[in-house]
Amino acid sequence: MCVISSFFLCFSAVFPALAENGVYRCVATDEKKIALTFDDGPHYKYTDEILDILEKYGVKATFFVIGVNAERHPEKVKRIASSGHEIGNHTYSHPHLKKVSAQELEAEIEKASEVISRLTGKKPVLFRPPEGYCGADVSSTAKKSGCDVILWSHDTRDWAHTPSETISQRILDGVGCGDIILFHDFITPDTPTPSALETVIPRLIERGYEFVSVSELIS
């Protein structure tokens, strides 16, 4: 198995039962596969920029979209799907889950899935809870809706406008086999993500890593 630094310790490798219960932070494997994920989109500008970079390097990724953003930018959702990327559910309105009942969460998941299904013809089978909050009600509600819960082993903190150089160096220093990396394609007013991707992707390809969808990684 690839070595993962202690700073980016893979939680599911320590507690493999999480994966067995349908909750994943990463996958314990010795195959040099990594999953890039993008939350909160689609964005009217940045989603296209990211898709262009992924296409440039022949990389597939998973986009966890918010239902209301998908309704605002349906053409972006359709481009994600037509480009061969995976689309996951990130709720309809991105609520704070600590303040949401199981019934309200189920409605959020189902409404977002309906939007995604209408635009792509495919119902998502992956769910990423907003802010990574995953209590027992969250995992059981997601399972009821037919979704595995996907968290992450690397938070790039691009949402905090971390400099792209810092993001890139942290990933390159800490990445390992089976990692799930958290990016965002909806950040305002600007984003370090495209620049970081332009550095990280070719460097990791040179190291022999393959970028795959989350579903492929956890399978």
N, C-alpha and C. Protein backbone atom coordinates (compact mmCIF):
# COMPACT_ATOMS: atom_id res chain seq x y z
N MET A 1 0.85 -1.19 0.00
CA MET A 1 0.00 0.00 0.00
C MET A 1 0.88 1.24 0.00
N CYS A 2 0.45 2.26 -0.70
CA CYS A 2 1.19 3.51 -0.70
C CYS A 2 1.21 4.12 0.68
N VAL A 3 2.27 4.79 1.01
CA VAL A 3 2.41 5.42 2.32
C VAL A 3 1.67 6.75 2.32
N ILE A 4 0.84 6.97 3.35
CA ILE A 4 0.12 8.23 3.50
C ILE A 4 0.68 8.92 4.74
N SER A 5 1.03 10.19 4.60
CA SER A 5 1.61 10.91 5.72
C SER A 5 0.63 10.98 6.87
N SER A 6 1.16 11.15 8.10
CA SER A 6 0.28 11.21 9.26
C SER A 6 -0.66 12.38 9.20
N PHE A 7 -0.28 13.47 8.53
CA PHE A 7 -1.14 14.64 8.42
C PHE A 7 -2.40 14.32 7.63
N PHE A 8 -2.28 13.42 6.66
CA PHE A 8 -3.40 13.04 5.83
C PHE A 8 -3.79 11.58 6.07
N LEU A 9 -3.74 11.14 7.33
CA LEU A 9 -4.01 9.74 7.65
C LEU A 9 -5.40 9.33 7.17
N CYS A 10 -5.45 8.21 6.50
CA CYS A 10 -6.72 7.72 5.94
C CYS A 10 -7.58 7.10 7.02
N PHE A 11 -8.68 7.75 7.32
CA PHE A 11 -9.54 7.33 8.42
C PHE A 11 -10.12 5.95 8.17
N SER A 12 -10.51 5.65 6.93
CA SER A 12 -11.13 4.35 6.69
C SER A 12 -10.12 3.22 6.73
N ALA A 13 -8.84 3.52 6.55
CA ALA A 13 -7.84 2.47 6.68
C ALA A 13 -7.68 2.08 8.15
N VAL A 14 -7.92 3.05 9.06
CA VAL A 14 -7.83 2.78 10.48
C VAL A 14 -9.12 2.13 10.97
N PHE A 15 -10.25 2.59 10.45
CA PHE A 15 -11.56 2.06 10.82
C PHE A 15 -12.27 1.55 9.57
N PRO A 16 -11.87 0.39 9.05
CA PRO A 16 -12.44 -0.11 7.81
C PRO A 16 -13.93 -0.35 7.87
N ALA A 17 -14.50 -0.48 9.07
CA ALA A 17 -15.95 -0.71 9.18
C ALA A 17 -16.74 0.46 8.60
N LEU A 18 -16.14 1.67 8.59
CA LEU A 18 -16.83 2.80 8.00
C LEU A 18 -17.18 2.53 6.55
N ALA A 19 -16.23 1.99 5.81
CA ALA A 19 -16.49 1.67 4.42
C ALA A 19 -17.55 0.58 4.31
N GLU A 20 -17.50 -0.37 5.19
CA GLU A 20 -18.48 -1.45 5.16
C GLU A 20 -19.89 -0.92 5.40
N ASN A 21 -20.01 0.16 6.12
CA ASN A 21 -21.31 0.75 6.41
C ASN A 21 -21.72 1.78 5.36
N GLY A 22 -20.98 1.83 4.28
CA GLY A 22 -21.34 2.73 3.21
C GLY A 22 -20.86 4.14 3.39
N VAL A 23 -19.83 4.34 4.22
CA VAL A 23 -19.23 5.66 4.41
C VAL A 23 -17.74 5.55 4.08
N TYR A 24 -17.28 6.38 3.17
CA TYR A 24 -15.90 6.29 2.70
C TYR A 24 -15.17 7.62 2.86
N ARG A 25 -13.95 7.55 3.39
CA ARG A 25 -13.04 8.69 3.36
C ARG A 25 -11.92 8.43 2.35
N CYS A 26 -11.58 7.20 2.16
CA CYS A 26 -10.60 6.78 1.17
C CYS A 26 -10.73 5.27 1.06
N VAL A 27 -9.88 4.64 0.29
CA VAL A 27 -9.95 3.20 0.09
C VAL A 27 -8.57 2.61 0.36
N ALA A 28 -8.52 1.56 1.14
CA ALA A 28 -7.26 0.88 1.42
C ALA A 28 -6.89 0.02 0.22
N THR A 29 -5.87 0.43 -0.52
CA THR A 29 -5.46 -0.27 -1.73
C THR A 29 -3.99 0.01 -2.00
N ASP A 30 -3.35 -0.91 -2.74
CA ASP A 30 -1.98 -0.65 -3.17
C ASP A 30 -1.94 -0.22 -4.64
N GLU A 31 -3.11 -0.05 -5.25
CA GLU A 31 -3.17 0.46 -6.62
C GLU A 31 -3.05 1.98 -6.60
N LYS A 32 -2.31 2.51 -7.55
CA LYS A 32 -2.05 3.96 -7.56
C LYS A 32 -3.21 4.69 -8.23
N LYS A 33 -4.35 4.67 -7.52
CA LYS A 33 -5.55 5.33 -8.01
C LYS A 33 -6.00 6.39 -7.01
N ILE A 34 -6.45 7.51 -7.55
CA ILE A 34 -6.88 8.65 -6.75
C ILE A 34 -8.19 9.17 -7.33
N ALA A 35 -9.06 9.68 -6.47
CA ALA A 35 -10.30 10.29 -6.93
C ALA A 35 -10.29 11.78 -6.62
N LEU A 36 -10.43 12.60 -7.65
CA LEU A 36 -10.63 14.03 -7.48
C LEU A 36 -12.13 14.29 -7.37
N THR A 37 -12.51 15.11 -6.39
CA THR A 37 -13.92 15.44 -6.23
C THR A 37 -14.08 16.95 -6.12
N PHE A 38 -15.24 17.43 -6.60
CA PHE A 38 -15.51 18.86 -6.62
C PHE A 38 -16.90 19.11 -6.06
N ASP A 39 -16.97 19.98 -5.06
CA ASP A 39 -18.23 20.24 -4.36
C ASP A 39 -18.83 21.60 -4.73
N ASP A 40 -20.14 21.70 -4.49
CA ASP A 40 -20.89 22.96 -4.43
C ASP A 40 -21.31 23.54 -5.78
N GLY A 41 -20.84 23.00 -6.88
CA GLY A 41 -21.19 23.54 -8.17
C GLY A 41 -22.57 23.09 -8.62
N PRO A 42 -22.85 23.31 -9.90
CA PRO A 42 -21.93 23.95 -10.84
C PRO A 42 -21.89 25.47 -10.71
N HIS A 43 -20.78 26.04 -11.15
CA HIS A 43 -20.54 27.48 -11.17
C HIS A 43 -20.58 27.95 -12.62
N TYR A 44 -21.08 29.13 -12.84
CA TYR A 44 -21.24 29.61 -14.22
C TYR A 44 -19.92 29.73 -14.96
N LYS A 45 -18.80 29.91 -14.24
CA LYS A 45 -17.49 30.10 -14.87
C LYS A 45 -16.51 28.99 -14.53
N TYR A 46 -16.34 28.70 -13.22
CA TYR A 46 -15.26 27.83 -12.79
C TYR A 46 -15.46 26.37 -13.15
N THR A 47 -16.70 25.92 -13.24
CA THR A 47 -16.91 24.53 -13.62
C THR A 47 -16.35 24.25 -15.00
N ASP A 48 -16.58 25.16 -15.94
CA ASP A 48 -16.03 24.99 -17.29
C ASP A 48 -14.51 25.02 -17.28
N GLU A 49 -13.92 25.92 -16.49
CA GLU A 49 -12.46 25.99 -16.42
C GLU A 49 -11.88 24.67 -15.92
N ILE A 50 -12.51 24.11 -14.89
CA ILE A 50 -12.04 22.83 -14.34
C ILE A 50 -12.23 21.70 -15.34
N LEU A 51 -13.38 21.68 -16.00
CA LEU A 51 -13.62 20.63 -17.00
C LEU A 51 -12.61 20.71 -18.13
N ASP A 52 -12.23 21.91 -18.53
CA ASP A 52 -11.23 22.07 -19.58
C ASP A 52 -9.89 21.47 -19.16
N ILE A 53 -9.51 21.69 -17.90
CA ILE A 53 -8.24 21.15 -17.40
C ILE A 53 -8.31 19.62 -17.33
N LEU A 54 -9.40 19.09 -16.83
CA LEU A 54 -9.54 17.63 -16.75
C LEU A 54 -9.48 17.01 -18.14
N GLU A 55 -10.14 17.66 -19.10
CA GLU A 55 -10.11 17.15 -20.47
C GLU A 55 -8.70 17.20 -21.05
N LYS A 56 -7.99 18.26 -20.75
CA LYS A 56 -6.62 18.43 -21.24
C LYS A 56 -5.73 17.25 -20.85
N TYR A 57 -5.92 16.73 -19.63
CA TYR A 57 -5.07 15.65 -19.14
C TYR A 57 -5.75 14.28 -19.18
N GLY A 58 -6.94 14.22 -19.73
CA GLY A 58 -7.63 12.94 -19.82
C GLY A 58 -8.02 12.36 -18.48
N VAL A 59 -8.42 13.24 -17.56
CA VAL A 59 -8.71 12.85 -16.19
C VAL A 59 -10.22 12.82 -15.96
N LYS A 60 -10.69 11.79 -15.25
CA LYS A 60 -12.08 11.71 -14.85
C LYS A 60 -12.20 12.04 -13.36
N ALA A 61 -13.32 12.68 -12.99
CA ALA A 61 -13.51 13.12 -11.62
C ALA A 61 -14.97 12.94 -11.23
N THR A 62 -15.27 13.29 -9.98
CA THR A 62 -16.64 13.20 -9.47
C THR A 62 -17.05 14.58 -8.96
N PHE A 63 -18.21 15.05 -9.43
CA PHE A 63 -18.73 16.35 -9.04
C PHE A 63 -19.95 16.16 -8.15
N PHE A 64 -19.88 16.67 -6.92
CA PHE A 64 -21.01 16.63 -6.01
C PHE A 64 -21.75 17.96 -6.13
N VAL A 65 -22.85 17.94 -6.86
CA VAL A 65 -23.54 19.19 -7.20
C VAL A 65 -24.67 19.49 -6.22
N ILE A 66 -24.93 20.77 -6.06
CA ILE A 66 -26.06 21.24 -5.27
C ILE A 66 -27.24 21.41 -6.20
N GLY A 67 -28.40 20.89 -5.81
CA GLY A 67 -29.56 20.89 -6.69
C GLY A 67 -29.94 22.26 -7.21
N VAL A 68 -29.96 23.27 -6.34
CA VAL A 68 -30.37 24.60 -6.77
C VAL A 68 -29.38 25.18 -7.78
N ASN A 69 -28.10 24.88 -7.62
CA ASN A 69 -27.10 25.35 -8.60
C ASN A 69 -27.24 24.60 -9.92
N ALA A 70 -27.60 23.34 -9.84
CA ALA A 70 -27.82 22.56 -11.05
C ALA A 70 -29.00 23.13 -11.85
N GLU A 71 -30.04 23.56 -11.14
CA GLU A 71 -31.18 24.17 -11.82
C GLU A 71 -30.81 25.49 -12.47
N ARG A 72 -29.91 26.24 -11.84
CA ARG A 72 -29.49 27.52 -12.39
C ARG A 72 -28.59 27.35 -13.62
N HIS A 73 -27.81 26.28 -13.62
CA HIS A 73 -26.83 26.08 -14.70
C HIS A 73 -26.95 24.65 -15.25
N PRO A 74 -28.08 24.32 -15.84
CA PRO A 74 -28.28 22.94 -16.32
C PRO A 74 -27.29 22.54 -17.40
N GLU A 75 -26.84 23.50 -18.20
CA GLU A 75 -25.90 23.17 -19.26
C GLU A 75 -24.56 22.71 -18.72
N LYS A 76 -24.18 23.19 -17.53
CA LYS A 76 -22.93 22.75 -16.90
C LYS A 76 -23.06 21.31 -16.43
N VAL A 77 -24.21 20.99 -15.83
CA VAL A 77 -24.43 19.61 -15.38
C VAL A 77 -24.39 18.65 -16.57
N LYS A 78 -25.02 19.06 -17.65
CA LYS A 78 -25.03 18.20 -18.83
C LYS A 78 -23.62 18.04 -19.40
N ARG A 79 -22.82 19.10 -19.33
CA ARG A 79 -21.44 18.97 -19.83
C ARG A 79 -20.64 18.03 -18.94
N ILE A 80 -20.81 18.13 -17.62
CA ILE A 80 -20.11 17.21 -16.72
C ILE A 80 -20.42 15.76 -17.10
N ALA A 81 -21.70 15.48 -17.28
CA ALA A 81 -22.11 14.11 -17.59
C ALA A 81 -21.63 13.67 -18.95
N SER A 82 -21.77 14.53 -19.95
CA SER A 82 -21.39 14.16 -21.31
C SER A 82 -19.89 14.00 -21.46
N SER A 83 -19.13 14.59 -20.56
CA SER A 83 -17.67 14.46 -20.59
C SER A 83 -17.19 13.19 -19.89
N GLY A 84 -18.12 12.42 -19.37
CA GLY A 84 -17.75 11.14 -18.76
C GLY A 84 -17.42 11.20 -17.29
N HIS A 85 -17.73 12.33 -16.65
CA HIS A 85 -17.48 12.45 -15.22
C HIS A 85 -18.68 11.95 -14.43
N GLU A 86 -18.43 11.67 -13.17
CA GLU A 86 -19.48 11.18 -12.29
C GLU A 86 -20.13 12.35 -11.56
N ILE A 87 -21.44 12.24 -11.33
CA ILE A 87 -22.16 13.28 -10.60
C ILE A 87 -22.76 12.68 -9.34
N GLY A 88 -22.45 13.32 -8.22
CA GLY A 88 -22.99 12.90 -6.94
C GLY A 88 -23.92 13.96 -6.38
N ASN A 89 -24.63 13.59 -5.33
CA ASN A 89 -25.63 14.43 -4.68
C ASN A 89 -25.01 15.17 -3.50
N HIS A 90 -25.22 16.50 -3.46
CA HIS A 90 -24.69 17.32 -2.37
C HIS A 90 -25.82 18.13 -1.72
N THR A 91 -27.01 17.55 -1.71
CA THR A 91 -28.27 18.13 -1.24
C THR A 91 -28.79 19.17 -2.24
N TYR A 92 -30.01 19.58 -1.99
CA TYR A 92 -30.63 20.57 -2.88
C TYR A 92 -30.21 22.00 -2.53
N SER A 93 -30.12 22.31 -1.23
CA SER A 93 -29.85 23.71 -0.85
C SER A 93 -28.66 23.89 0.07
N HIS A 94 -27.90 22.82 0.34
CA HIS A 94 -26.70 22.87 1.18
C HIS A 94 -27.02 23.38 2.60
N PRO A 95 -27.93 22.73 3.32
CA PRO A 95 -28.25 23.17 4.67
C PRO A 95 -27.19 22.72 5.68
N HIS A 96 -27.23 23.31 6.87
CA HIS A 96 -26.40 22.84 7.98
C HIS A 96 -27.08 21.60 8.57
N LEU A 97 -26.46 20.46 8.40
CA LEU A 97 -27.15 19.22 8.71
C LEU A 97 -27.40 19.01 10.20
N LYS A 98 -26.65 19.68 11.07
CA LYS A 98 -26.90 19.56 12.49
C LYS A 98 -28.27 20.14 12.86
N LYS A 99 -28.79 21.00 11.99
CA LYS A 99 -30.07 21.66 12.26
C LYS A 99 -31.21 21.08 11.43
N VAL A 100 -30.94 19.96 10.75
CA VAL A 100 -31.92 19.38 9.83
C VAL A 100 -32.36 18.01 10.35
N SER A 101 -33.64 17.76 10.31
CA SER A 101 -34.16 16.44 10.74
C SER A 101 -33.90 15.41 9.65
N ALA A 102 -34.03 14.14 10.01
CA ALA A 102 -33.85 13.07 9.03
C ALA A 102 -34.84 13.20 7.89
N GLN A 103 -36.07 13.61 8.21
CA GLN A 103 -37.09 13.79 7.17
C GLN A 103 -36.73 14.93 6.23
N GLU A 104 -36.23 16.02 6.79
CA GLU A 104 -35.83 17.15 5.97
C GLU A 104 -34.63 16.80 5.10
N LEU A 105 -33.69 16.04 5.66
CA LEU A 105 -32.53 15.62 4.88
C LEU A 105 -32.95 14.71 3.73
N GLU A 106 -33.84 13.79 4.01
CA GLU A 106 -34.32 12.90 2.96
C GLU A 106 -34.93 13.70 1.81
N ALA A 107 -35.71 14.73 2.16
CA ALA A 107 -36.31 15.58 1.13
C ALA A 107 -35.25 16.32 0.34
N GLU A 108 -34.20 16.78 1.02
CA GLU A 108 -33.10 17.47 0.35
C GLU A 108 -32.40 16.55 -0.65
N ILE A 109 -32.12 15.33 -0.21
CA ILE A 109 -31.44 14.37 -1.08
C ILE A 109 -32.32 14.01 -2.27
N GLU A 110 -33.57 13.71 -2.01
CA GLU A 110 -34.46 13.30 -3.08
C GLU A 110 -34.69 14.41 -4.09
N LYS A 111 -34.83 15.65 -3.61
CA LYS A 111 -35.06 16.76 -4.53
C LYS A 111 -33.84 16.99 -5.42
N ALA A 112 -32.64 16.91 -4.83
CA ALA A 112 -31.42 17.05 -5.63
C ALA A 112 -31.29 15.91 -6.63
N SER A 113 -31.61 14.70 -6.21
CA SER A 113 -31.54 13.55 -7.12
C SER A 113 -32.50 13.70 -8.28
N GLU A 114 -33.67 14.24 -8.01
CA GLU A 114 -34.64 14.47 -9.08
C GLU A 114 -34.11 15.45 -10.13
N VAL A 115 -33.47 16.51 -9.66
CA VAL A 115 -32.88 17.49 -10.58
C VAL A 115 -31.80 16.84 -11.42
N ILE A 116 -30.89 16.13 -10.77
CA ILE A 116 -29.78 15.49 -11.48
C ILE A 116 -30.31 14.46 -12.47
N SER A 117 -31.27 13.67 -12.06
CA SER A 117 -31.84 12.65 -12.95
C SER A 117 -32.51 13.28 -14.16
N ARG A 118 -33.21 14.38 -13.94
CA ARG A 118 -33.88 15.05 -15.05
C ARG A 118 -32.89 15.58 -16.07
N LEU A 119 -31.75 16.05 -15.60
CA LEU A 119 -30.77 16.66 -16.50
C LEU A 119 -29.85 15.64 -17.16
N THR A 120 -29.60 14.52 -16.49
CA THR A 120 -28.62 13.56 -17.00
C THR A 120 -29.21 12.20 -17.36
N GLY A 121 -30.43 11.93 -16.89
CA GLY A 121 -31.02 10.62 -17.12
C GLY A 121 -30.50 9.55 -16.20
N LYS A 122 -29.75 9.96 -15.16
CA LYS A 122 -29.14 8.98 -14.26
C LYS A 122 -29.26 9.47 -12.83
N LYS A 123 -29.78 8.62 -11.95
CA LYS A 123 -29.91 8.98 -10.55
C LYS A 123 -28.58 8.78 -9.83
N PRO A 124 -28.12 9.76 -9.06
CA PRO A 124 -26.84 9.60 -8.36
C PRO A 124 -26.90 8.53 -7.28
N VAL A 125 -25.78 7.86 -7.08
CA VAL A 125 -25.69 6.80 -6.06
C VAL A 125 -24.67 7.16 -4.99
N LEU A 126 -24.13 8.37 -5.07
CA LEU A 126 -23.17 8.85 -4.09
C LEU A 126 -23.71 10.13 -3.45
N PHE A 127 -23.49 10.28 -2.17
CA PHE A 127 -23.93 11.47 -1.45
C PHE A 127 -22.79 12.02 -0.62
N ARG A 128 -22.56 13.32 -0.74
CA ARG A 128 -21.59 13.98 0.13
C ARG A 128 -22.33 14.98 1.00
N PRO A 129 -22.31 14.79 2.32
CA PRO A 129 -23.01 15.70 3.20
C PRO A 129 -22.32 17.06 3.27
N PRO A 130 -23.08 18.14 3.26
CA PRO A 130 -22.49 19.47 3.40
C PRO A 130 -21.60 19.56 4.64
N GLU A 131 -20.43 20.16 4.45
CA GLU A 131 -19.46 20.37 5.51
C GLU A 131 -18.91 19.06 6.07
N GLY A 132 -19.21 17.95 5.41
CA GLY A 132 -18.69 16.67 5.86
C GLY A 132 -19.33 16.13 7.12
N TYR A 133 -20.46 16.71 7.51
CA TYR A 133 -21.12 16.24 8.73
C TYR A 133 -21.83 14.92 8.46
N CYS A 134 -21.49 13.90 9.25
CA CYS A 134 -22.04 12.57 8.98
C CYS A 134 -22.40 11.86 10.27
N GLY A 135 -23.49 12.29 10.90
CA GLY A 135 -24.01 11.58 12.05
C GLY A 135 -24.75 10.33 11.61
N ALA A 136 -25.24 9.57 12.57
CA ALA A 136 -25.93 8.32 12.26
C ALA A 136 -27.15 8.55 11.38
N ASP A 137 -27.88 9.62 11.64
CA ASP A 137 -29.06 9.91 10.83
C ASP A 137 -28.69 10.20 9.38
N VAL A 138 -27.55 10.84 9.18
CA VAL A 138 -27.12 11.19 7.83
C VAL A 138 -26.81 9.94 7.03
N SER A 139 -26.02 9.05 7.59
CA SER A 139 -25.64 7.84 6.86
C SER A 139 -26.85 6.94 6.59
N SER A 140 -27.74 6.81 7.58
CA SER A 140 -28.90 5.95 7.38
C SER A 140 -29.88 6.55 6.38
N THR A 141 -30.03 7.87 6.39
CA THR A 141 -30.92 8.53 5.44
C THR A 141 -30.37 8.43 4.03
N ALA A 142 -29.07 8.62 3.89
CA ALA A 142 -28.45 8.48 2.57
C ALA A 142 -28.63 7.06 2.04
N LYS A 143 -28.42 6.09 2.91
CA LYS A 143 -28.59 4.69 2.50
C LYS A 143 -30.02 4.42 2.07
N LYS A 144 -30.98 4.99 2.79
CA LYS A 144 -32.39 4.84 2.44
C LYS A 144 -32.67 5.40 1.05
N SER A 145 -31.92 6.45 0.69
CA SER A 145 -32.08 7.07 -0.63
C SER A 145 -31.23 6.40 -1.70
N GLY A 146 -30.55 5.31 -1.34
CA GLY A 146 -29.77 4.54 -2.31
C GLY A 146 -28.38 5.06 -2.55
N CYS A 147 -27.82 5.82 -1.58
CA CYS A 147 -26.51 6.44 -1.78
C CYS A 147 -25.49 5.99 -0.74
N ASP A 148 -24.27 5.76 -1.17
CA ASP A 148 -23.14 5.67 -0.26
C ASP A 148 -22.71 7.08 0.11
N VAL A 149 -22.19 7.24 1.32
CA VAL A 149 -21.70 8.54 1.78
C VAL A 149 -20.21 8.64 1.49
N ILE A 150 -19.83 9.72 0.82
CA ILE A 150 -18.44 9.93 0.42
C ILE A 150 -17.88 11.15 1.12
N LEU A 151 -16.89 10.94 1.97
CA LEU A 151 -16.18 12.05 2.60
C LEU A 151 -14.85 12.24 1.87
N TRP A 152 -13.76 12.43 2.57
CA TRP A 152 -12.48 12.66 1.89
C TRP A 152 -11.32 12.41 2.84
N SER A 153 -10.16 12.18 2.26
CA SER A 153 -8.94 12.04 3.05
C SER A 153 -8.06 13.28 2.94
N HIS A 154 -8.27 14.09 1.90
CA HIS A 154 -7.52 15.34 1.71
C HIS A 154 -8.49 16.49 1.52
N ASP A 155 -8.48 17.44 2.42
CA ASP A 155 -9.21 18.70 2.23
C ASP A 155 -8.21 19.74 1.75
N THR A 156 -8.35 20.18 0.51
CA THR A 156 -7.40 21.15 -0.04
C THR A 156 -7.56 22.54 0.57
N ARG A 157 -8.70 22.78 1.21
CA ARG A 157 -9.04 24.09 1.77
C ARG A 157 -9.02 25.18 0.69
N ASP A 158 -9.36 24.77 -0.52
CA ASP A 158 -9.48 25.79 -1.57
C ASP A 158 -10.61 26.75 -1.25
N TRP A 159 -11.63 26.26 -0.52
CA TRP A 159 -12.75 27.10 -0.12
C TRP A 159 -12.33 28.27 0.76
N ALA A 160 -11.18 28.13 1.44
CA ALA A 160 -10.64 29.19 2.31
C ALA A 160 -9.67 30.07 1.55
N HIS A 161 -9.61 29.92 0.22
CA HIS A 161 -8.71 30.70 -0.63
C HIS A 161 -7.24 30.47 -0.27
N THR A 162 -6.96 29.22 0.10
CA THR A 162 -5.57 28.83 0.32
C THR A 162 -4.79 29.02 -0.97
N PRO A 163 -3.58 29.60 -0.92
CA PRO A 163 -2.81 29.79 -2.16
C PRO A 163 -2.63 28.48 -2.92
N SER A 164 -2.72 28.55 -4.23
CA SER A 164 -2.63 27.34 -5.05
C SER A 164 -1.31 26.61 -4.83
N GLU A 165 -0.23 27.36 -4.57
CA GLU A 165 1.06 26.72 -4.34
C GLU A 165 1.04 25.87 -3.07
N THR A 166 0.34 26.37 -2.05
CA THR A 166 0.23 25.62 -0.80
C THR A 166 -0.62 24.37 -0.99
N ILE A 167 -1.73 24.52 -1.71
CA ILE A 167 -2.58 23.37 -2.00
C ILE A 167 -1.79 22.29 -2.73
N SER A 168 -1.08 22.70 -3.76
CA SER A 168 -0.33 21.75 -4.58
C SER A 168 0.72 21.02 -3.76
N GLN A 169 1.47 21.76 -2.95
CA GLN A 169 2.54 21.14 -2.18
C GLN A 169 2.01 20.17 -1.16
N ARG A 170 0.89 20.51 -0.51
CA ARG A 170 0.31 19.60 0.48
C ARG A 170 -0.14 18.30 -0.16
N ILE A 171 -0.75 18.40 -1.33
CA ILE A 171 -1.19 17.19 -2.01
C ILE A 171 0.00 16.36 -2.45
N LEU A 172 0.97 16.99 -3.07
CA LEU A 172 2.13 16.26 -3.59
C LEU A 172 2.93 15.62 -2.46
N ASP A 173 2.96 16.25 -1.29
CA ASP A 173 3.70 15.70 -0.15
C ASP A 173 2.93 14.59 0.56
N GLY A 174 1.59 14.63 0.51
CA GLY A 174 0.82 13.73 1.34
C GLY A 174 -0.03 12.71 0.64
N VAL A 175 -0.12 12.76 -0.68
CA VAL A 175 -1.06 11.90 -1.39
C VAL A 175 -0.63 10.43 -1.32
N GLY A 176 -1.63 9.54 -1.34
CA GLY A 176 -1.34 8.11 -1.34
C GLY A 176 -2.39 7.35 -2.12
N CYS A 177 -2.16 6.08 -2.31
CA CYS A 177 -3.10 5.24 -3.05
C CYS A 177 -4.46 5.23 -2.37
N GLY A 178 -5.51 5.34 -3.18
CA GLY A 178 -6.86 5.26 -2.66
C GLY A 178 -7.40 6.52 -2.04
N ASP A 179 -6.68 7.63 -2.17
CA ASP A 179 -7.13 8.88 -1.57
C ASP A 179 -8.30 9.49 -2.33
N ILE A 180 -9.14 10.20 -1.59
CA ILE A 180 -10.22 11.01 -2.15
C ILE A 180 -9.91 12.46 -1.80
N ILE A 181 -9.75 13.29 -2.81
CA ILE A 181 -9.30 14.66 -2.62
C ILE A 181 -10.47 15.62 -2.81
N LEU A 182 -10.66 16.51 -1.84
CA LEU A 182 -11.75 17.47 -1.86
C LEU A 182 -11.33 18.80 -2.46
N PHE A 183 -11.94 19.15 -3.59
CA PHE A 183 -11.86 20.48 -4.18
C PHE A 183 -13.27 21.05 -4.25
N HIS A 184 -13.38 22.28 -4.73
CA HIS A 184 -14.67 22.91 -4.98
C HIS A 184 -14.64 23.58 -6.34
N ASP A 185 -15.75 23.47 -7.08
CA ASP A 185 -15.84 24.23 -8.33
C ASP A 185 -16.73 25.45 -8.19
N PHE A 186 -17.20 25.73 -6.96
CA PHE A 186 -17.96 26.94 -6.70
C PHE A 186 -17.32 27.65 -5.52
N ILE A 187 -16.51 28.64 -5.81
CA ILE A 187 -15.85 29.47 -4.79
C ILE A 187 -15.95 30.91 -5.25
N THR A 188 -16.30 31.80 -4.36
CA THR A 188 -16.34 33.22 -4.71
C THR A 188 -15.45 34.00 -3.75
N PRO A 189 -14.90 35.15 -4.18
CA PRO A 189 -15.05 35.75 -5.52
C PRO A 189 -14.07 35.18 -6.54
N ASP A 190 -13.03 34.49 -6.07
CA ASP A 190 -12.10 33.86 -7.01
C ASP A 190 -11.69 32.51 -6.43
N THR A 191 -10.95 31.74 -7.21
CA THR A 191 -10.62 30.39 -6.77
C THR A 191 -9.18 30.02 -7.11
N PRO A 192 -8.49 29.33 -6.19
CA PRO A 192 -7.15 28.84 -6.48
C PRO A 192 -7.16 27.47 -7.15
N THR A 193 -8.33 26.89 -7.33
CA THR A 193 -8.42 25.49 -7.75
C THR A 193 -7.86 25.21 -9.14
N PRO A 194 -8.23 25.96 -10.18
CA PRO A 194 -7.68 25.64 -11.50
C PRO A 194 -6.15 25.66 -11.53
N SER A 195 -5.55 26.65 -10.88
CA SER A 195 -4.09 26.73 -10.87
C SER A 195 -3.47 25.55 -10.15
N ALA A 196 -4.07 25.15 -9.03
CA ALA A 196 -3.55 23.99 -8.30
C ALA A 196 -3.66 22.72 -9.13
N LEU A 197 -4.77 22.56 -9.83
CA LEU A 197 -4.95 21.38 -10.68
C LEU A 197 -3.91 21.31 -11.78
N GLU A 198 -3.59 22.45 -12.34
CA GLU A 198 -2.60 22.49 -13.43
C GLU A 198 -1.23 22.05 -12.94
N THR A 199 -0.97 22.21 -11.66
CA THR A 199 0.30 21.75 -11.07
C THR A 199 0.22 20.29 -10.64
N VAL A 200 -0.84 19.94 -9.94
CA VAL A 200 -0.94 18.62 -9.30
C VAL A 200 -1.16 17.50 -10.30
N ILE A 201 -2.06 17.69 -11.24
CA ILE A 201 -2.42 16.58 -12.13
C ILE A 201 -1.22 16.06 -12.92
N PRO A 202 -0.49 16.90 -13.66
CA PRO A 202 0.64 16.34 -14.42
C PRO A 202 1.72 15.74 -13.55
N ARG A 203 1.94 16.32 -12.36
CA ARG A 203 2.98 15.77 -11.48
C ARG A 203 2.59 14.38 -10.99
N LEU A 204 1.34 14.20 -10.63
CA LEU A 204 0.91 12.88 -10.15
C LEU A 204 0.83 11.86 -11.28
N ILE A 205 0.48 12.31 -12.46
CA ILE A 205 0.52 11.40 -13.61
C ILE A 205 1.95 10.92 -13.84
N GLU A 206 2.91 11.82 -13.71
CA GLU A 206 4.32 11.44 -13.86
C GLU A 206 4.72 10.40 -12.82
N ARG A 207 4.10 10.45 -11.65
CA ARG A 207 4.40 9.48 -10.59
C ARG A 207 3.68 8.15 -10.79
N GLY A 208 2.86 8.07 -11.81
CA GLY A 208 2.18 6.82 -12.11
C GLY A 208 0.78 6.69 -11.55
N TYR A 209 0.23 7.78 -11.04
CA TYR A 209 -1.12 7.73 -10.51
C TYR A 209 -2.16 7.83 -11.62
N GLU A 210 -3.29 7.17 -11.39
CA GLU A 210 -4.43 7.23 -12.29
C GLU A 210 -5.58 7.91 -11.54
N PHE A 211 -6.24 8.84 -12.21
CA PHE A 211 -7.38 9.53 -11.63
C PHE A 211 -8.66 8.83 -12.08
N VAL A 212 -9.49 8.44 -11.09
CA VAL A 212 -10.70 7.69 -11.39
C VAL A 212 -11.88 8.31 -10.67
N SER A 213 -13.07 7.90 -11.06
CA SER A 213 -14.27 8.35 -10.35
C SER A 213 -14.31 7.69 -8.97
N VAL A 214 -15.09 8.28 -8.09
CA VAL A 214 -15.23 7.69 -6.77
C VAL A 214 -15.83 6.29 -6.84
N SER A 215 -16.83 6.12 -7.68
CA SER A 215 -17.44 4.78 -7.80
C SER A 215 -16.43 3.73 -8.23
N GLU A 216 -15.56 4.11 -9.16
CA GLU A 216 -14.53 3.16 -9.58
C GLU A 216 -13.55 2.88 -8.46
N LEU A 217 -13.21 3.90 -7.70
CA LEU A 217 -12.26 3.73 -6.61
C LEU A 217 -12.82 2.80 -5.54
N ILE A 218 -14.07 3.00 -5.13
CA ILE A 218 -14.59 2.21 -4.03
C ILE A 218 -15.05 0.82 -4.46
N SER A 219 -15.12 0.61 -5.78
CA SER A 219 -15.52 -0.72 -6.26
C SER A 219 -14.38 -1.71 -6.14
